[in-house]
Amino acid sequence: MNLRAFQDVPRRSTRIRRGNPRYNVPPVYVPPPASVGSSTPPITQVERTTPILADNPSMPCVENPPQPSDASMTSRVEPVQQQSSAESPADIPLPSSPPQAPMSRMDAPVVTPEFVPIMMSSTAPTSFSSFDEDALCEQFEFMALSVYCIFCPDDVNSDVDEQQLNKQHRLLVAFALQTTGLPSTIRQAHASPEKAEWIKATDAEYNSLMHHNTWTLCELPPDRKPIGCRWIFTKKYAADGTLSRYKARLVAQGFTQVAGVDYTEVFAPVIRTSSIRFLLALAAMYSMHICHMDVQTAFLNGSLQETLFMKQPPGYVQPGSENLVCRLNKSIYGLKQSSREWNSALDSYFKSQRFAQLKTDPCIYFRRTPQGLVLVGVYVDDFILLSTNVNILDSTKRALSSRFTMKDLGPLTYCLGIEVERLEDGSILLHQSKYVSDILAKHDLANCNPVSTPQDSHSAAFHSSSSSPSLPFRTVVGELLYLTTTTRPDIAFTVTLLSRHLNNPEEEHQHIAKRVLRYLRGSKDFGICYSKQDSTEFTIELYVDADYANDAITRRSTSGYLLYLNGCLISWKSKLQNIVALSTSEAEYISMSYGLQEALWLKSLLEELQLPIKLAIIVYEDNQSSLLSR
């Protein structure tokens, strides 16, 4: 799409309202939505006139402007599209602009915009004024095209929220609903083929809100403004890719909250991915039982300290109480402080049950009893429970269910996009084959040719390629970053390299990103395996390395380390150093400092759990100058 066609439209046209034009701006051609009736012929030719604006800063006012004659008006006609047709646009008279009196920019009168004739034809268009629905949906699959306009189409079916189209004085032509299959409003949910499932999901969410006494209907104080709310719809999938359930969530529009008035503190911790791997490695070493639990409507368990008012949820406005608002009693989803209030309620519960909180990771709670050890890792509303005694594990689950509305998901098999498999010998395998398959399918690379390495050593040769893969670069890098931090250290260096060029990716970086996806195509079943250990003490081993001034722009070095606990990989990192090293020894020292910080954290974690550990941390380093300078 050639966006240069919109350059002559003044930016002040954003203030134009439907039915209340304020500036002399011709209507801009807007492609009709995909839901417009098929009987409407495609627009193939548009004739427009150059606008004359007294309020446009880029066009100075001229006193006593001459009235345009037919010749001058003809010279101002700019054809947008040239196409042979049986009807000639030259035969259609163009409206002339009304005469303008001397004026200043401050007292410009309100004038009616010029409407121009639109040629209709059944011939397939070939330039910008055409509207190829399939091609445009393919090009803007998860994007919305925003353009300025004066009018909105009236023949929009129920799949498009017309109220949202009229807001913000602009038309949002969105095609995401056709590609994602998820409704964005409750009106769209009721008009979708899956209406029955979405109604069940919204009813379940609303009943849960009522069960927790989330709000109380009251009149809005005259000095307060209510917070808006909306429904969020999603589909939950199992580890094998099958549809698990339909889920609807009512969220408050917390972006309208005022800091210092509606909220103060908002921070809430989440468990580190290194801590999750540590817990699973510990479970494999000690043959511990692992189970997975989920808290239903977790944020509703937190009590609000501030007085907040919210509009009634769409589709569930109480009859006869349309003028009332909801005075919030609980921290509903979407509020700035919701996660903090939920974490405070959860922390108070665990401490009341004589659980201790780790200082090295505040989202890990543990309790020692004569029968054994029990640990709980918390990621917002997902709980990972481990214990050496199944009876202690069951009693902990019953205690949690008595306080919160819990869902027992059984043995841990899938959590946070990570697939967990318990092998026959007691080992635990972590991998993300489903996540990789979803990424490849999303970018149409499910059947691509795999490669053996994530990056070619001569990647600069990609500059000479004549074709560039059409990949959403930032989206791909974000997906690869999550994969890197969870189970795939083998792509860490390449993904770190790509992350430095998010603002200005070149063709070479596009090819490298595609090569990483091709590498994942042939190694999507790769993962991390934790095996059972017979050792009575824990040994921490650290492998460290660095290059020297390998960044061609900044001449900074790249550090990398691998941290093992009894042969189980717990943590890793590939990082561009913050300073410029003056020698290879200095670059290696910086790398060792990064790795030892993580090793000391792991050692403190073991000490808090009162687990036996060797005092010495073994560091493996291959730089002779750094070893000899100790």
Foldseek 3Di string as FASTA:
>chain_A
DDPVVCVLFAPVLLPAAAPRGFWQGEFDDDDAAPQFDPVAAWFAWFKDFRTDTCQGPVDDFDAQDDFDDPVNRVVRIDTPDDDDDPDDPVVDDADGDDGDHDDHNVPDGGDDYGYGDTDGDNDQHDDDSTPDPVVVCVVPVPHKDKDAGHDHDPRGDQLDDVVVQRPSRTGTRDDNCVRPVFRFALSNCCVDPNVVQVVVQVVVQVVVCVVLCFWDWDADPPVDDAWEKGKDWDWDADLVGHTDGIHIFIATQQVPDDEPAQDDDQDDDAFALLVVLVVQLVCQALVKFKWKKFFDQLLQLFFDPHWHWHADYPPDQDPPRNNIIITGGTLGHHHRRSLVRSRVSVVVVCVVVVWDAAPLTRQKTWDQDPVWIWIWGDGSGMIMIIIRDVVVVVVVVVSVVVSTVMDTPTGDAADPQWGWDQDPQSKIWIARLVLLCVVCVVLVNLPPAADAALDDPPLVVQVPDPDARPDLLVVLLVSVVVVCSNWDVRCQQVSQVSVVQNPPDDRSSRVSSVNNSSNCSVVRVDGFMRHHDPDQAKAKEKEWDKDFLPPPPQRFIWIKMFIDIVNGTSGIHIGTDPDHDPDRLRRRVSNVVVRVVVVVSVVSVCVVVVGHYDPDHHYDDDDPVNVVVD
